[in-house]
Amino acid sequence: MKKILIGTHNNGKFREIAYLISNKFKKISPKSLNIKSPKETGKSFVSNSKLKVNFFSKYVNYPVISDDSGLCINFLKNKPGVHSARYAKKHGGFF
């Protein structure tokens, strides 16, 4: 069976992405391989996704897929954007 690493430590994101991938692939989590997450230092969702794919690819010899997401609120000039998780943590976290 082919393998694919889904580059997230977020269990909800892992399930959402895994659902979209064919059952021909065994879906692997970096958590199951004890790989820590890289610092997300990109200035966009795309750059953070690429950063994570490149980071996790150093640990496996099969395909890696990753994403980045956040809240872009028009009224707040598309903030907090890539800083959504930090913003949420600063203000009490997600429910």
PDB file of N, CA and C in Angstrom:
ATOM      1  N   MET A   1       0.843  -1.183   0.000  1.00  0.00           N
ATOM      2  CA  MET A   1       0.000   0.000   0.000  1.00  0.00           C
ATOM      3  C   MET A   1       0.887   1.244   0.000  1.00  0.00           C
ATOM      4  N   LYS A   2       0.529   2.213  -0.830  1.00  0.00           N
ATOM      5  CA  LYS A   2       1.258   3.479  -0.865  1.00  0.00           C
ATOM      6  C   LYS A   2       0.985   4.263   0.409  1.00  0.00           C
ATOM      7  N   LYS A   3       1.963   5.056   0.820  1.00  0.00           N
ATOM      8  CA  LYS A   3       1.819   5.888   2.011  1.00  0.00           C
ATOM      9  C   LYS A   3       1.823   7.363   1.616  1.00  0.00           C
ATOM     10  N   ILE A   4       1.191   8.179   2.456  1.00  0.00           N
ATOM     11  CA  ILE A   4       1.265   9.626   2.322  1.00  0.00           C
ATOM     12  C   ILE A   4       1.267  10.217   3.728  1.00  0.00           C
ATOM     13  N   LEU A   5       2.151  11.164   3.956  1.00  0.00           N
ATOM     14  CA  LEU A   5       2.190  11.836   5.241  1.00  0.00           C
ATOM     15  C   LEU A   5       1.345  13.101   5.138  1.00  0.00           C
ATOM     16  N   ILE A   6       0.419  13.253   6.046  1.00  0.00           N
ATOM     17  CA  ILE A   6      -0.424  14.448   6.107  1.00  0.00           C
ATOM     18  C   ILE A   6       0.200  15.352   7.161  1.00  0.00           C
ATOM     19  N   GLY A   7       0.828  16.426   6.710  1.00  0.00           N
ATOM     20  CA  GLY A   7       1.665  17.268   7.553  1.00  0.00           C
ATOM     21  C   GLY A   7       0.917  18.192   8.487  1.00  0.00           C
ATOM     22  N   THR A   8       0.288  17.620   9.493  1.00  0.00           N
ATOM     23  CA  THR A   8      -0.376  18.415  10.530  1.00  0.00           C
ATOM     24  C   THR A   8      -0.381  17.645  11.839  1.00  0.00           C
ATOM     25  N   HIS A   9      -0.348  18.383  12.935  1.00  0.00           N
ATOM     26  CA  HIS A   9      -0.505  17.785  14.257  1.00  0.00           C
ATOM     27  C   HIS A   9      -1.922  17.996  14.785  1.00  0.00           C
ATOM     28  N   ASN A  10      -2.722  18.684  14.021  1.00  0.00           N
ATOM     29  CA  ASN A  10      -4.112  18.960  14.390  1.00  0.00           C
ATOM     30  C   ASN A  10      -4.965  17.754  13.982  1.00  0.00           C
ATOM     31  N   ASN A  11      -5.527  17.063  14.959  1.00  0.00           N
ATOM     32  CA  ASN A  11      -6.303  15.847  14.674  1.00  0.00           C
ATOM     33  C   ASN A  11      -7.492  16.114  13.759  1.00  0.00           C
ATOM     34  N   GLY A  12      -8.167  17.238  13.939  1.00  0.00           N
ATOM     35  CA  GLY A  12      -9.309  17.579  13.097  1.00  0.00           C
ATOM     36  C   GLY A  12      -8.900  17.791  11.647  1.00  0.00           C
ATOM     37  N   LYS A  13      -7.825  18.537  11.442  1.00  0.00           N
ATOM     38  CA  LYS A  13      -7.320  18.759  10.076  1.00  0.00           C
ATOM     39  C   LYS A  13      -6.882  17.442   9.450  1.00  0.00           C
ATOM     40  N   PHE A  14      -6.221  16.600  10.260  1.00  0.00           N
ATOM     41  CA  PHE A  14      -5.768  15.316   9.741  1.00  0.00           C
ATOM     42  C   PHE A  14      -6.960  14.512   9.212  1.00  0.00           C
ATOM     43  N   ARG A  15      -8.023  14.447   9.995  1.00  0.00           N
ATOM     44  CA  ARG A  15      -9.214  13.691   9.577  1.00  0.00           C
ATOM     45  C   ARG A  15      -9.834  14.291   8.307  1.00  0.00           C
ATOM     46  N   GLU A  16      -9.930  15.616   8.260  1.00  0.00           N
ATOM     47  CA  GLU A  16     -10.526  16.279   7.091  1.00  0.00           C
ATOM     48  C   GLU A  16      -9.731  15.999   5.822  1.00  0.00           C
ATOM     49  N   ILE A  17      -8.416  16.108   5.902  1.00  0.00           N
ATOM     50  CA  ILE A  17      -7.572  15.870   4.729  1.00  0.00           C
ATOM     51  C   ILE A  17      -7.582  14.391   4.364  1.00  0.00           C
ATOM     52  N   ALA A  18      -7.483  13.515   5.366  1.00  0.00           N
ATOM     53  CA  ALA A  18      -7.465  12.066   5.117  1.00  0.00           C
ATOM     54  C   ALA A  18      -8.727  11.613   4.395  1.00  0.00           C
ATOM     55  N   TYR A  19      -9.848  12.206   4.748  1.00  0.00           N
ATOM     56  CA  TYR A  19     -11.130  11.866   4.123  1.00  0.00           C
ATOM     57  C   TYR A  19     -11.100  12.133   2.613  1.00  0.00           C
ATOM     58  N   LEU A  20     -10.335  13.133   2.190  1.00  0.00           N
ATOM     59  CA  LEU A  20     -10.280  13.522   0.784  1.00  0.00           C
ATOM     60  C   LEU A  20      -9.307  12.685  -0.048  1.00  0.00           C
ATOM     61  N   ILE A  21      -8.488  11.893   0.619  1.00  0.00           N
ATOM     62  CA  ILE A  21      -7.451  11.109  -0.068  1.00  0.00           C
ATOM     63  C   ILE A  21      -7.931   9.669  -0.255  1.00  0.00           C
ATOM     64  N   SER A  22      -7.652   9.135  -1.419  1.00  0.00           N
ATOM     65  CA  SER A  22      -8.053   7.774  -1.771  1.00  0.00           C
ATOM     66  C   SER A  22      -7.631   6.751  -0.727  1.00  0.00           C
ATOM     67  N   ASN A  23      -8.449   5.720  -0.581  1.00  0.00           N
ATOM     68  CA  ASN A  23      -8.134   4.627   0.336  1.00  0.00           C
ATOM     69  C   ASN A  23      -6.982   3.766  -0.163  1.00  0.00           C
ATOM     70  N   LYS A  24      -6.461   4.071  -1.349  1.00  0.00           N
ATOM     71  CA  LYS A  24      -5.286   3.362  -1.849  1.00  0.00           C
ATOM     72  C   LYS A  24      -4.041   3.777  -1.070  1.00  0.00           C
ATOM     73  N   PHE A  25      -4.155   4.873  -0.294  1.00  0.00           N
ATOM     74  CA  PHE A  25      -3.030   5.384   0.475  1.00  0.00           C
ATOM     75  C   PHE A  25      -3.219   5.122   1.961  1.00  0.00           C
ATOM     76  N   LYS A  26      -2.139   4.741   2.612  1.00  0.00           N
ATOM     77  CA  LYS A  26      -2.122   4.685   4.069  1.00  0.00           C
ATOM     78  C   LYS A  26      -1.743   6.086   4.535  1.00  0.00           C
ATOM     79  N   LYS A  27      -2.611   6.702   5.311  1.00  0.00           N
ATOM     80  CA  LYS A  27      -2.401   8.075   5.756  1.00  0.00           C
ATOM     81  C   LYS A  27      -1.617   8.072   7.064  1.00  0.00           C
ATOM     82  N   ILE A  28      -0.480   8.767   7.047  1.00  0.00           N
ATOM     83  CA  ILE A  28       0.433   8.799   8.183  1.00  0.00           C
ATOM     84  C   ILE A  28       0.442  10.202   8.775  1.00  0.00           C
ATOM     85  N   SER A  29       0.474  10.269  10.092  1.00  0.00           N
ATOM     86  CA  SER A  29       0.567  11.538  10.812  1.00  0.00           C
ATOM     87  C   SER A  29       1.996  11.739  11.305  1.00  0.00           C
ATOM     88  N   PRO A  30       2.490  12.972  11.295  1.00  0.00           N
ATOM     89  CA  PRO A  30       3.813  13.200  11.877  1.00  0.00           C
ATOM     90  C   PRO A  30       3.849  12.855  13.368  1.00  0.00           C
ATOM     91  N   LYS A  31       2.694  12.949  14.020  1.00  0.00           N
ATOM     92  CA  LYS A  31       2.622  12.556  15.439  1.00  0.00           C
ATOM     93  C   LYS A  31       2.997  11.093  15.615  1.00  0.00           C
ATOM     94  N   SER A  32       2.484  10.244  14.712  1.00  0.00           N
ATOM     95  CA  SER A  32       2.748   8.805  14.838  1.00  0.00           C
ATOM     96  C   SER A  32       4.220   8.475  14.609  1.00  0.00           C
ATOM     97  N   LEU A  33       4.953   9.379  13.964  1.00  0.00           N
ATOM     98  CA  LEU A  33       6.382   9.183  13.712  1.00  0.00           C
ATOM     99  C   LEU A  33       7.237  10.002  14.686  1.00  0.00           C
ATOM    100  N   ASN A  34       6.589  10.640  15.643  1.00  0.00           N
ATOM    101  CA  ASN A  34       7.272  11.501  16.618  1.00  0.00           C
ATOM    102  C   ASN A  34       8.079  12.616  15.960  1.00  0.00           C
ATOM    103  N   ILE A  35       7.508  13.199  14.918  1.00  0.00           N
ATOM    104  CA  ILE A  35       8.129  14.339  14.249  1.00  0.00           C
ATOM    105  C   ILE A  35       7.432  15.601  14.750  1.00  0.00           C
ATOM    106  N   LYS A  36       8.198  16.516  15.282  1.00  0.00           N
ATOM    107  CA  LYS A  36       7.628  17.769  15.765  1.00  0.00           C
ATOM    108  C   LYS A  36       7.279  18.667  14.586  1.00  0.00           C
ATOM    109  N   SER A  37       6.453  19.662  14.845  1.00  0.00           N
ATOM    110  CA  SER A  37       6.085  20.634  13.812  1.00  0.00           C
ATOM    111  C   SER A  37       7.154  21.704  13.669  1.00  0.00           C
ATOM    112  N   PRO A  38       7.340  22.193  12.450  1.00  0.00           N
ATOM    113  CA  PRO A  38       8.266  23.311  12.268  1.00  0.00           C
ATOM    114  C   PRO A  38       7.608  24.617  12.712  1.00  0.00           C
ATOM    115  N   LYS A  39       8.406  25.632  12.935  1.00  0.00           N
ATOM    116  CA  LYS A  39       7.875  26.972  13.188  1.00  0.00           C
ATOM    117  C   LYS A  39       7.265  27.476  11.892  1.00  0.00           C
ATOM    118  N   GLU A  40       6.056  27.982  11.974  1.00  0.00           N
ATOM    119  CA  GLU A  40       5.381  28.524  10.787  1.00  0.00           C
ATOM    120  C   GLU A  40       5.734  30.002  10.681  1.00  0.00           C
ATOM    121  N   THR A  41       6.765  30.288   9.911  1.00  0.00           N
ATOM    122  CA  THR A  41       7.298  31.641   9.799  1.00  0.00           C
ATOM    123  C   THR A  41       6.923  32.336   8.498  1.00  0.00           C
ATOM    124  N   GLY A  42       6.122  31.663   7.667  1.00  0.00           N
ATOM    125  CA  GLY A  42       5.731  32.241   6.390  1.00  0.00           C
ATOM    126  C   GLY A  42       4.808  33.432   6.559  1.00  0.00           C
ATOM    127  N   LYS A  43       4.735  34.225   5.511  1.00  0.00           N
ATOM    128  CA  LYS A  43       3.878  35.413   5.529  1.00  0.00           C
ATOM    129  C   LYS A  43       2.538  35.158   4.830  1.00  0.00           C
ATOM    130  N   SER A  44       2.339  33.923   4.357  1.00  0.00           N
ATOM    131  CA  SER A  44       1.075  33.566   3.704  1.00  0.00           C
ATOM    132  C   SER A  44       0.752  32.110   4.009  1.00  0.00           C
ATOM    133  N   PHE A  45      -0.492  31.734   3.747  1.00  0.00           N
ATOM    134  CA  PHE A  45      -0.895  30.342   3.949  1.00  0.00           C
ATOM    135  C   PHE A  45      -0.090  29.421   3.029  1.00  0.00           C
ATOM    136  N   VAL A  46       0.120  29.854   1.788  1.00  0.00           N
ATOM    137  CA  VAL A  46       0.867  29.041   0.828  1.00  0.00           C
ATOM    138  C   VAL A  46       2.306  28.837   1.297  1.00  0.00           C
ATOM    139  N   SER A  47       2.953  29.910   1.750  1.00  0.00           N
ATOM    140  CA  SER A  47       4.349  29.763   2.184  1.00  0.00           C
ATOM    141  C   SER A  47       4.460  28.863   3.414  1.00  0.00           C
ATOM    142  N   ASN A  48       3.508  28.946   4.333  1.00  0.00           N
ATOM    143  CA  ASN A  48       3.530  28.040   5.490  1.00  0.00           C
ATOM    144  C   ASN A  48       3.286  26.598   5.075  1.00  0.00           C
ATOM    145  N   SER A  49       2.409  26.372   4.111  1.00  0.00           N
ATOM    146  CA  SER A  49       2.161  25.011   3.618  1.00  0.00           C
ATOM    147  C   SER A  49       3.427  24.429   3.006  1.00  0.00           C
ATOM    148  N   LYS A  50       4.101  25.221   2.179  1.00  0.00           N
ATOM    149  CA  LYS A  50       5.351  24.761   1.549  1.00  0.00           C
ATOM    150  C   LYS A  50       6.424  24.500   2.603  1.00  0.00           C
ATOM    151  N   LEU A  51       6.504  25.372   3.583  1.00  0.00           N
ATOM    152  CA  LEU A  51       7.469  25.210   4.662  1.00  0.00           C
ATOM    153  C   LEU A  51       7.260  23.861   5.352  1.00  0.00           C
ATOM    154  N   LYS A  52       6.007  23.535   5.665  1.00  0.00           N
ATOM    155  CA  LYS A  52       5.703  22.275   6.354  1.00  0.00           C
ATOM    156  C   LYS A  52       5.989  21.068   5.472  1.00  0.00           C
ATOM    157  N   VAL A  53       5.624  21.142   4.200  1.00  0.00           N
ATOM    158  CA  VAL A  53       5.893  20.017   3.292  1.00  0.00           C
ATOM    159  C   VAL A  53       7.395  19.769   3.190  1.00  0.00           C
ATOM    160  N   ASN A  54       8.169  20.827   3.005  1.00  0.00           N
ATOM    161  CA  ASN A  54       9.622  20.671   2.894  1.00  0.00           C
ATOM    162  C   ASN A  54      10.225  20.115   4.184  1.00  0.00           C
ATOM    163  N   PHE A  55       9.729  20.573   5.322  1.00  0.00           N
ATOM    164  CA  PHE A  55      10.225  20.097   6.615  1.00  0.00           C
ATOM    165  C   PHE A  55       9.927  18.610   6.804  1.00  0.00           C
ATOM    166  N   PHE A  56       8.673  18.216   6.639  1.00  0.00           N
ATOM    167  CA  PHE A  56       8.292  16.819   6.872  1.00  0.00           C
ATOM    168  C   PHE A  56       8.909  15.876   5.836  1.00  0.00           C
ATOM    169  N   SER A  57       9.151  16.375   4.637  1.00  0.00           N
ATOM    170  CA  SER A  57       9.749  15.549   3.576  1.00  0.00           C
ATOM    171  C   SER A  57      11.152  15.073   3.929  1.00  0.00           C
ATOM    172  N   LYS A  58      11.809  15.773   4.827  1.00  0.00           N
ATOM    173  CA  LYS A  58      13.157  15.376   5.239  1.00  0.00           C
ATOM    174  C   LYS A  58      13.146  14.090   6.067  1.00  0.00           C
ATOM    175  N   TYR A  59      11.973  13.712   6.588  1.00  0.00           N
ATOM    176  CA  TYR A  59      11.868  12.560   7.490  1.00  0.00           C
ATOM    177  C   TYR A  59      11.309  11.300   6.832  1.00  0.00           C
ATOM    178  N   VAL A  60      10.705  11.440   5.648  1.00  0.00           N
ATOM    179  CA  VAL A  60      10.087  10.279   4.995  1.00  0.00           C
ATOM    180  C   VAL A  60      10.490  10.233   3.519  1.00  0.00           C
ATOM    181  N   ASN A  61      10.343   9.064   2.922  1.00  0.00           N
ATOM    182  CA  ASN A  61      10.667   8.928   1.494  1.00  0.00           C
ATOM    183  C   ASN A  61       9.417   8.618   0.678  1.00  0.00           C
ATOM    184  N   TYR A  62       8.316   9.226   1.084  1.00  0.00           N
ATOM    185  CA  TYR A  62       7.058   9.109   0.350  1.00  0.00           C
ATOM    186  C   TYR A  62       6.381  10.476   0.341  1.00  0.00           C
ATOM    187  N   PRO A  63       5.306  10.632  -0.432  1.00  0.00           N
ATOM    188  CA  PRO A  63       4.676  11.952  -0.580  1.00  0.00           C
ATOM    189  C   PRO A  63       4.205  12.563   0.737  1.00  0.00           C
ATOM    190  N   VAL A  64       4.252  13.886   0.772  1.00  0.00           N
ATOM    191  CA  VAL A  64       3.791  14.660   1.927  1.00  0.00           C
ATOM    192  C   VAL A  64       2.823  15.717   1.415  1.00  0.00           C
ATOM    193  N   ILE A  65       1.744  15.907   2.141  1.00  0.00           N
ATOM    194  CA  ILE A  65       0.778  16.958   1.824  1.00  0.00           C
ATOM    195  C   ILE A  65       0.549  17.755   3.105  1.00  0.00           C
ATOM    196  N   SER A  66       0.356  19.052   2.970  1.00  0.00           N
ATOM    197  CA  SER A  66       0.104  19.886   4.134  1.00  0.00           C
ATOM    198  C   SER A  66      -0.751  21.073   3.721  1.00  0.00           C
ATOM    199  N   ASP A  67      -1.277  21.753   4.714  1.00  0.00           N
ATOM    200  CA  ASP A  67      -2.057  22.958   4.439  1.00  0.00           C
ATOM    201  C   ASP A  67      -1.781  23.964   5.535  1.00  0.00           C
ATOM    202  N   ASP A  68      -2.271  25.141   5.348  1.00  0.00           N
ATOM    203  CA  ASP A  68      -2.286  26.151   6.392  1.00  0.00           C
ATOM    204  C   ASP A  68      -3.576  26.920   6.206  1.00  0.00           C
ATOM    205  N   SER A  69      -4.152  27.322   7.291  1.00  0.00           N
ATOM    206  CA  SER A  69      -5.425  28.045   7.198  1.00  0.00           C
ATOM    207  C   SER A  69      -5.564  28.970   8.385  1.00  0.00           C
ATOM    208  N   GLY A  70      -6.536  29.827   8.303  1.00  0.00           N
ATOM    209  CA  GLY A  70      -6.815  30.756   9.378  1.00  0.00           C
ATOM    210  C   GLY A  70      -8.023  31.588   9.032  1.00  0.00           C
ATOM    211  N   LEU A  71      -8.272  32.568   9.851  1.00  0.00           N
ATOM    212  CA  LEU A  71      -9.415  33.449   9.646  1.00  0.00           C
ATOM    213  C   LEU A  71      -8.962  34.739   8.965  1.00  0.00           C
ATOM    214  N   CYS A  72      -9.616  35.073   7.879  1.00  0.00           N
ATOM    215  CA  CYS A  72      -9.372  36.329   7.171  1.00  0.00           C
ATOM    216  C   CYS A  72     -10.694  37.085   7.176  1.00  0.00           C
ATOM    217  N   ILE A  73     -10.802  38.068   8.052  1.00  0.00           N
ATOM    218  CA  ILE A  73     -12.064  38.777   8.261  1.00  0.00           C
ATOM    219  C   ILE A  73     -12.025  40.117   7.535  1.00  0.00           C
ATOM    220  N   ASN A  74     -12.932  40.289   6.569  1.00  0.00           N
ATOM    221  CA  ASN A  74     -12.945  41.506   5.757  1.00  0.00           C
ATOM    222  C   ASN A  74     -12.960  42.771   6.605  1.00  0.00           C
ATOM    223  N   PHE A  75     -13.828  42.817   7.599  1.00  0.00           N
ATOM    224  CA  PHE A  75     -13.969  43.989   8.445  1.00  0.00           C
ATOM    225  C   PHE A  75     -12.660  44.337   9.159  1.00  0.00           C
ATOM    226  N   LEU A  76     -11.836  43.325   9.407  1.00  0.00           N
ATOM    227  CA  LEU A  76     -10.550  43.521  10.086  1.00  0.00           C
ATOM    228  C   LEU A  76      -9.382  43.556   9.107  1.00  0.00           C
ATOM    229  N   LYS A  77      -9.679  43.921   7.853  1.00  0.00           N
ATOM    230  CA  LYS A  77      -8.651  43.991   6.800  1.00  0.00           C
ATOM    231  C   LYS A  77      -7.913  42.658   6.652  1.00  0.00           C
ATOM    232  N   ASN A  78      -8.718  41.578   6.609  1.00  0.00           N
ATOM    233  CA  ASN A  78      -8.239  40.196   6.443  1.00  0.00           C
ATOM    234  C   ASN A  78      -7.342  39.708   7.579  1.00  0.00           C
ATOM    235  N   LYS A  79      -7.471  40.302   8.729  1.00  0.00           N
ATOM    236  CA  LYS A  79      -6.737  39.847   9.911  1.00  0.00           C
ATOM    237  C   LYS A  79      -7.598  38.824  10.643  1.00  0.00           C
ATOM    238  N   PRO A  80      -7.121  37.956  11.464  1.00  0.00           N
ATOM    239  CA  PRO A  80      -5.724  37.771  11.807  1.00  0.00           C
ATOM    240  C   PRO A  80      -4.920  36.966  10.787  1.00  0.00           C
ATOM    241  N   GLY A  81      -5.547  36.370   9.784  1.00  0.00           N
ATOM    242  CA  GLY A  81      -4.817  35.685   8.708  1.00  0.00           C
ATOM    243  C   GLY A  81      -3.919  34.578   9.209  1.00  0.00           C
ATOM    244  N   VAL A  82      -2.651  34.588   8.755  1.00  0.00           N
ATOM    245  CA  VAL A  82      -1.716  33.517   9.133  1.00  0.00           C
ATOM    246  C   VAL A  82      -1.410  33.521  10.622  1.00  0.00           C
ATOM    247  N   HIS A  83      -1.812  34.562  11.322  1.00  0.00           N
ATOM    248  CA  HIS A  83      -1.573  34.646  12.766  1.00  0.00           C
ATOM    249  C   HIS A  83      -2.797  34.209  13.584  1.00  0.00           C
ATOM    250  N   SER A  84      -3.757  33.559  12.964  1.00  0.00           N
ATOM    251  CA  SER A  84      -5.000  33.175  13.646  1.00  0.00           C
ATOM    252  C   SER A  84      -4.760  32.362  14.913  1.00  0.00           C
ATOM    253  N   ALA A  85      -3.902  31.366  14.834  1.00  0.00           N
ATOM    254  CA  ALA A  85      -3.663  30.502  16.002  1.00  0.00           C
ATOM    255  C   ALA A  85      -3.025  31.293  17.138  1.00  0.00           C
ATOM    256  N   ARG A  86      -2.071  32.156  16.808  1.00  0.00           N
ATOM    257  CA  ARG A  86      -1.429  32.972  17.847  1.00  0.00           C
ATOM    258  C   ARG A  86      -2.423  33.949  18.454  1.00  0.00           C
ATOM    259  N   TYR A  87      -3.262  34.513  17.611  1.00  0.00           N
ATOM    260  CA  TYR A  87      -4.283  35.455  18.077  1.00  0.00           C
ATOM    261  C   TYR A  87      -5.250  34.739  19.030  1.00  0.00           C
ATOM    262  N   ALA A  88      -5.689  33.557  18.626  1.00  0.00           N
ATOM    263  CA  ALA A  88      -6.626  32.791  19.455  1.00  0.00           C
ATOM    264  C   ALA A  88      -5.985  32.422  20.788  1.00  0.00           C
ATOM    265  N   LYS A  89      -4.738  31.986  20.753  1.00  0.00           N
ATOM    266  CA  LYS A  89      -4.041  31.599  21.979  1.00  0.00           C
ATOM    267  C   LYS A  89      -3.923  32.797  22.925  1.00  0.00           C
ATOM    268  N   LYS A  90      -3.594  33.954  22.369  1.00  0.00           N
ATOM    269  CA  LYS A  90      -3.446  35.169  23.171  1.00  0.00           C
ATOM    270  C   LYS A  90      -4.760  35.578  23.828  1.00  0.00           C
ATOM    271  N   HIS A  91      -5.884  35.250  23.153  1.00  0.00           N
ATOM    272  CA  HIS A  91      -7.203  35.669  23.638  1.00  0.00           C
ATOM    273  C   HIS A  91      -8.037  34.500  24.161  1.00  0.00           C
ATOM    274  N   GLY A  92      -7.396  33.464  24.660  1.00  0.00           N
ATOM    275  CA  GLY A  92      -8.125  32.401  25.328  1.00  0.00           C
ATOM    276  C   GLY A  92      -8.244  31.092  24.589  1.00  0.00           C
ATOM    277  N   GLY A  93      -7.810  31.007  23.342  1.00  0.00           N
ATOM    278  CA  GLY A  93      -7.827  29.748  22.611  1.00  0.00           C
ATOM    279  C   GLY A  93      -9.115  29.462  21.896  1.00  0.00           C
ATOM    280  N   PHE A  94      -9.102  28.388  21.114  1.00  0.00           N
ATOM    281  CA  PHE A  94     -10.281  27.922  20.399  1.00  0.00           C
ATOM    282  C   PHE A  94     -11.091  27.032  21.321  1.00  0.00           C
ATOM    283  N   PHE A  95     -12.388  26.956  21.082  1.00  0.00           N
ATOM    284  CA  PHE A  95     -13.249  26.121  21.911  1.00  0.00           C
ATOM    285  C   PHE A  95     -13.185  24.686  21.476  1.00  0.00           C
TER     286      PHE A  95
END
